């Protein structure tokens, strides 16, 4: 591989090589893929775990499984449905804490089932990075409570460093954009259901397939289709020639009329000050109550 482990920071290599056999929660995103990749470069014993469910687009689960097969990484799949969990059903600001707490328990149960053929426990890790520590991430509290390790965050590696190291060590798609779970597309207080999440997933998949302009970048750059409950499509780019096709796709999937906004940063929309100010401790609730 290009660069190999020599391209990784020495402190990071030292930490990874001191770890016991690992079980890495693999979302299929860049961070968790890089953690698996770097750990294996350092000679670690790595087992990947992927949870599929209504909050994860099927294409992402399929891509995670395909990537593991392509690189020869052992992978266990877990079926996990968080929609009945109280915090998720209410879609409160603590939804990620409630979801992560139950997911960690389910992953550990899966590991216990597998452990019969192994002589050692595996250390459960995830791909949270140092940038996540500076954002509103209730799920991080669940990780800390359950003693799940986050080696990338512990090493102080943020997204730019991870992209650079991924490229230097030969990991495919170091430019991969983050795709948080579908629950993040809904304003707090707007209850999710499987049919709505599936429709969101299909619409975003169709938007992702739009032809890229000649510069090779994705047509819409990074994007999210939000429900406030009125639809809002956030994009980091939008060639004007594509706007009619974008609007037609949104309408075909039942998200019309839809406000389309271009912004350089689209992460954490419902935790931004302008949303939080609408209803104090529950961003989005007061705004939604006026429109439902």
Protein backbone atom coordinates (compact mmCIF):
# COMPACT_ATOMS: atom_id res chain seq x y z
CA UNK A 1 0.00 0.00 0.00
CA UNK A 2 1.12 3.56 -0.70
CA UNK A 3 3.09 4.82 2.28
CA UNK A 4 2.07 1.91 4.52
CA UNK A 5 2.23 2.23 8.31
CA UNK A 6 5.29 4.48 8.02
CA UNK A 7 2.94 7.24 6.81
CA UNK A 8 0.95 7.12 10.06
CA UNK A 9 1.87 9.26 13.10
CA UNK A 10 4.21 7.34 15.41
CA UNK A 11 2.06 7.93 18.50
CA UNK A 12 -1.01 6.61 16.68
CA UNK A 13 0.87 3.50 15.54
CA UNK A 14 2.12 2.90 19.06
CA UNK A 15 -1.42 3.13 20.48
CA UNK A 16 -2.88 0.79 17.86
CA UNK A 17 -0.16 -1.82 18.31
CA UNK A 18 -0.76 -1.89 22.06
CA UNK A 19 -4.46 -2.71 21.69
CA UNK A 20 -5.95 -6.19 22.07
CA UNK A 21 -7.98 -7.77 19.22
CA UNK A 22 -10.47 -5.17 18.01
CA UNK A 23 -14.13 -5.12 17.09
CA UNK A 24 -14.70 -1.93 15.08
CA UNK A 25 -18.18 -0.52 14.52
CA UNK A 26 -18.04 -0.04 10.74
CA UNK A 27 -20.57 2.41 9.35
CA UNK A 28 -18.94 2.35 5.94
CA UNK A 29 -17.96 6.00 6.24
CA UNK A 30 -14.41 7.27 5.89
CA UNK A 31 -13.59 7.42 9.61
CA UNK A 32 -14.53 3.85 10.51
CA UNK A 33 -13.00 2.52 7.28
CA UNK A 34 -9.77 4.38 8.00
CA UNK A 35 -9.66 3.02 11.55
CA UNK A 36 -9.99 -0.55 10.26
CA UNK A 37 -7.43 0.15 7.53
CA UNK A 38 -4.86 1.77 9.84
CA UNK A 39 -5.27 -0.87 12.53
CA UNK A 40 -4.65 -3.66 10.02
CA UNK A 41 -1.60 -1.83 8.64
CA UNK A 42 -0.26 -1.88 12.18
CA UNK A 43 -0.79 -5.63 12.48
CA UNK A 44 -3.93 -5.50 14.63
CA UNK A 45 -6.49 -8.31 14.67
CA UNK A 46 -9.65 -6.53 13.43
CA UNK A 47 -13.24 -7.73 13.21
CA UNK A 48 -15.75 -5.27 11.72
CA UNK A 49 -19.34 -4.96 12.92
CA UNK A 50 -22.04 -3.26 10.86
CA UNK A 51 -25.59 -2.52 12.04
CA UNK A 52 -28.23 -2.28 9.34
CA UNK A 53 -31.73 -0.98 9.94
CA UNK A 54 -34.35 1.54 8.81
CA UNK A 55 -32.13 4.47 9.86
CA UNK A 56 -29.35 3.39 7.46
CA UNK A 57 -29.84 3.59 3.68
CA UNK A 58 -29.64 0.07 2.21
CA UNK A 59 -27.02 1.21 -0.29
CA UNK A 60 -24.71 2.22 2.56
CA UNK A 61 -25.02 -1.16 4.25
CA UNK A 62 -24.36 -2.88 0.93
CA UNK A 63 -21.33 -0.67 0.29
CA UNK A 64 -19.91 -1.36 3.77
CA UNK A 65 -20.27 -5.11 3.21
CA UNK A 66 -18.72 -4.89 -0.26
CA UNK A 67 -15.76 -2.86 0.99
CA UNK A 68 -15.09 -5.41 3.75
CA UNK A 69 -15.17 -8.21 1.17
CA UNK A 70 -12.91 -6.29 -1.19
CA UNK A 71 -10.20 -5.77 1.44
CA UNK A 72 -10.61 -9.17 3.10
CA UNK A 73 -11.88 -7.77 6.39
CA UNK A 74 -13.99 -10.13 8.54
CA UNK A 75 -17.44 -8.60 9.03
CA UNK A 76 -20.47 -9.42 11.15
CA UNK A 77 -23.83 -7.87 10.21
CA UNK A 78 -26.39 -6.97 12.86
CA UNK A 79 -30.05 -6.16 12.25
CA UNK A 80 -30.93 -3.25 14.55
CA UNK A 81 -34.14 -1.19 14.60
CA UNK A 82 -34.00 1.86 16.90
CA UNK A 83 -37.43 3.28 16.02
CA UNK A 84 -39.19 1.84 19.08
CA UNK A 85 -36.65 3.28 21.52
CA UNK A 86 -38.25 6.11 23.57
CA UNK A 87 -35.76 8.87 22.71
CA UNK A 88 -35.78 7.90 19.04
CA UNK A 89 -39.59 7.59 18.86
CA UNK A 90 -39.85 11.11 20.34
CA UNK A 91 -36.93 12.24 18.18
CA UNK A 92 -35.56 14.21 21.11
CA UNK A 93 -32.17 15.85 21.30
CA UNK A 94 -31.03 12.74 23.16
CA UNK A 95 -31.99 10.35 20.34
CA UNK A 96 -28.36 9.55 19.55
CA UNK A 97 -27.60 8.74 23.18
CA UNK A 98 -30.55 6.35 23.44
CA UNK A 99 -29.79 4.76 20.08
CA UNK A 100 -26.05 4.35 20.70
CA UNK A 101 -26.66 2.90 24.17
CA UNK A 102 -28.88 0.12 22.82
CA UNK A 103 -26.69 -0.43 19.77
CA UNK A 104 -23.59 -0.93 21.91
CA UNK A 105 -25.47 -3.49 24.00
CA UNK A 106 -26.58 -5.32 20.84
CA UNK A 107 -23.05 -5.32 19.41
CA UNK A 108 -21.62 -6.70 22.63
CA UNK A 109 -24.28 -9.42 22.66
CA UNK A 110 -23.26 -10.33 19.11
CA UNK A 111 -19.62 -10.50 20.19
CA UNK A 112 -20.51 -12.77 23.11
CA UNK A 113 -22.20 -15.16 20.70
CA UNK A 114 -19.09 -15.25 18.54
CA UNK A 115 -16.63 -15.50 21.42
CA UNK A 116 -17.14 -19.25 21.85
CA UNK A 117 -14.57 -19.87 19.12
CA UNK A 118 -12.13 -17.19 20.29
CA UNK A 119 -9.73 -17.20 23.20
CA UNK A 120 -9.84 -13.46 23.95
CA UNK A 121 -12.41 -10.73 24.30
CA UNK A 122 -12.40 -8.05 21.63
CA UNK A 123 -12.16 -4.36 22.44
CA UNK A 124 -15.12 -2.48 20.95
CA UNK A 125 -14.05 0.67 19.08
CA UNK A 126 -15.71 3.24 16.87
CA UNK A 127 -14.56 5.79 14.32
CA UNK A 128 -15.38 9.03 16.16
CA UNK A 129 -12.72 11.62 15.38
CA UNK A 130 -11.34 14.65 17.18
CA UNK A 131 -13.66 17.05 15.33
CA UNK A 132 -16.68 15.20 16.72
CA UNK A 133 -15.61 16.19 20.23
CA UNK A 134 -16.26 19.84 19.37
CA UNK A 135 -19.81 19.29 18.09
CA UNK A 136 -23.11 18.40 19.76
CA UNK A 137 -22.86 14.60 19.84
CA UNK A 138 -24.98 12.97 22.60
CA UNK A 139 -23.90 9.59 21.25
CA UNK A 140 -20.37 10.26 22.49
CA UNK A 141 -21.68 10.16 26.05
CA UNK A 142 -23.09 6.69 25.43
CA UNK A 143 -19.69 5.57 24.10
CA UNK A 144 -17.94 6.90 27.22
CA UNK A 145 -20.49 5.30 29.54
CA UNK A 146 -20.01 1.93 27.85
CA UNK A 147 -16.20 2.27 27.68
CA UNK A 148 -16.08 2.08 23.91
CA UNK A 149 -12.72 3.31 22.60
CA UNK A 150 -12.38 5.93 19.86
CA UNK A 151 -8.73 5.68 18.77
CA UNK A 152 -8.97 8.42 16.13
CA UNK A 153 -10.34 10.95 18.63
CA UNK A 154 -7.83 9.81 21.26
CA UNK A 155 -5.02 10.43 18.79
CA UNK A 156 -6.32 13.93 18.05
CA UNK A 157 -7.05 13.10 14.41
CA UNK A 158 -9.70 15.31 12.80
CA UNK A 159 -11.26 14.90 9.37
CA UNK A 160 -8.59 16.78 7.34
CA UNK A 161 -5.82 14.68 8.90
CA UNK A 162 -7.78 11.48 8.33
CA UNK A 163 -8.30 12.34 4.65
CA UNK A 164 -4.60 13.06 4.23
CA UNK A 165 -3.52 9.88 6.01
CA UNK A 166 -6.06 7.79 4.12
CA UNK A 167 -4.62 9.01 0.82
CA UNK A 168 -1.03 8.56 2.00
CA UNK A 169 -1.63 4.95 3.06
CA UNK A 170 -3.62 3.88 0.00
CA UNK A 171 -7.15 3.77 1.39
CA UNK A 172 -9.71 4.09 -1.40
CA UNK A 173 -12.01 7.13 -1.60
CA UNK A 174 -10.24 9.42 0.90
CA UNK A 175 -12.55 12.21 -0.34
CA UNK A 176 -15.67 10.32 0.83
CA UNK A 177 -18.28 12.65 2.32
CA UNK A 178 -19.89 11.99 5.70
CA UNK A 179 -23.39 10.49 5.59
CA UNK A 180 -24.94 10.59 9.08
CA UNK A 181 -27.88 8.30 9.83
CA UNK A 182 -31.27 9.22 8.39
CA UNK A 183 -32.68 10.24 11.78
CA UNK A 184 -30.56 13.40 11.57
CA UNK A 185 -32.65 14.56 8.61
CA UNK A 186 -35.70 15.18 10.85
CA UNK A 187 -36.24 18.20 13.07
CA UNK A 188 -36.34 17.37 16.77
CA UNK A 189 -39.84 16.30 17.78
CA UNK A 190 -40.81 15.06 14.33
CA UNK A 191 -41.39 11.34 14.90
CA UNK A 192 -39.70 9.00 12.42
CA UNK A 193 -41.19 5.90 10.84
CA UNK A 194 -39.66 3.29 8.56
CA UNK A 195 -41.64 4.35 5.47
CA UNK A 196 -40.56 7.99 5.76
CA UNK A 197 -36.91 7.07 6.31
CA UNK A 198 -37.03 4.73 3.30
CA UNK A 199 -38.45 7.53 1.14
CA UNK A 200 -35.71 9.89 2.31
CA UNK A 201 -33.09 7.27 1.50
CA UNK A 202 -34.47 6.74 -2.01
CA UNK A 203 -34.57 10.47 -2.70
CA UNK A 204 -31.00 11.03 -1.51
CA UNK A 205 -29.80 8.02 -3.51
CA UNK A 206 -31.40 9.46 -6.64
CA UNK A 207 -29.79 12.85 -6.00
CA UNK A 208 -26.41 11.20 -5.48
CA UNK A 209 -26.68 9.57 -8.91
CA UNK A 210 -27.00 12.88 -10.73
CA UNK A 211 -24.25 13.18 -13.35
CA UNK A 212 -21.14 14.93 -12.14
CA UNK A 213 -19.99 18.04 -13.99
CA UNK A 214 -16.78 17.96 -15.97
CA UNK A 215 -14.64 18.79 -12.93
CA UNK A 216 -15.37 15.32 -11.54
CA UNK A 217 -16.84 16.44 -8.20
CA UNK A 218 -20.30 15.14 -7.17
CA UNK A 219 -23.08 17.16 -8.76
CA UNK A 220 -24.41 18.54 -5.46
CA UNK A 221 -21.20 18.25 -3.47
CA UNK A 222 -22.16 17.32 0.08
CA UNK A 223 -25.91 17.44 0.65
CA UNK A 224 -28.73 16.57 3.07
CA UNK A 225 -32.49 16.42 2.55
CA UNK A 226 -34.01 17.78 5.78
CA UNK A 227 -37.60 17.79 7.06
CA UNK A 228 -38.61 20.71 9.32
CA UNK A 229 -41.32 19.27 8.53
CA UNK A 230 -41.32 21.29 5.27
CA UNK A 231 -38.56 19.84 3.05
CA UNK A 232 -35.22 21.59 2.80
CA UNK A 233 -32.38 20.41 0.56
CA UNK A 234 -28.97 21.63 1.68
CA UNK A 235 -26.18 21.45 -0.89
CA UNK A 236 -22.60 22.64 -1.04
CA UNK A 237 -22.92 23.17 -4.80
CA UNK A 238 -25.72 23.32 -7.37
CA UNK A 239 -24.98 23.82 -11.07
CA UNK A 240 -27.91 25.85 -12.37
CA UNK A 241 -28.32 23.50 -15.32
CA UNK A 242 -29.14 20.70 -12.88
CA UNK A 243 -31.72 22.59 -10.82
CA UNK A 244 -34.74 21.44 -12.91
CA UNK A 245 -33.64 17.80 -12.56
CA UNK A 246 -33.11 18.21 -8.82
CA UNK A 247 -36.57 19.72 -8.40
CA UNK A 248 -38.12 16.95 -10.52
CA UNK A 249 -36.43 14.23 -8.44
CA UNK A 250 -37.59 15.81 -5.20
CA UNK A 251 -41.16 16.00 -6.51
CA UNK A 252 -41.06 12.40 -7.72
CA UNK A 253 -40.23 11.24 -4.20
CA UNK A 254 -42.86 13.38 -2.53
CA UNK A 255 -40.66 16.24 -1.32
CA UNK A 256 -42.15 19.20 -3.13
CA UNK A 257 -42.27 22.09 -2.83
CA UNK A 258 -38.75 22.01 -1.40
CA UNK A 259 -36.53 24.90 -0.36
CA UNK A 260 -33.02 24.46 -1.81
CA UNK A 261 -30.16 26.21 -0.05
CA UNK A 262 -26.46 26.32 -0.85
CA UNK A 263 -24.02 26.53 2.06
CA UNK A 264 -20.37 25.75 2.67
CA UNK A 265 -21.15 23.78 5.85
CA UNK A 266 -24.33 21.71 6.13
CA UNK A 267 -23.52 19.66 9.23
CA UNK A 268 -25.53 19.98 12.45
CA UNK A 269 -28.36 22.02 10.91
CA UNK A 270 -30.89 21.37 13.69
CA UNK A 271 -28.32 22.19 16.39
CA UNK A 272 -27.37 25.52 14.85
CA UNK A 273 -28.20 28.63 16.95
CA UNK A 274 -30.97 29.79 14.62
CA UNK A 275 -32.80 26.48 15.14
CA UNK A 276 -32.03 26.15 18.84
CA UNK A 277 -33.33 29.65 19.53
CA UNK A 278 -36.80 28.76 18.28
CA UNK A 279 -37.68 26.51 21.21
CA UNK A 280 -35.04 26.69 23.92
CA UNK A 281 -33.95 23.19 24.89
CA UNK A 282 -35.70 21.45 21.99
CA UNK A 283 -34.68 23.01 18.67
CA UNK A 284 -37.35 22.80 16.03
CA UNK A 285 -40.35 21.87 18.21
CA UNK A 286 -42.00 25.29 18.37
CA UNK A 287 -41.35 25.86 14.69
CA UNK A 288 -42.87 22.49 13.82
CA UNK A 289 -45.94 22.98 15.98
CA UNK A 290 -46.91 25.97 13.86
CA UNK A 291 -46.67 24.02 10.61
CA UNK A 292 -47.85 20.44 11.25
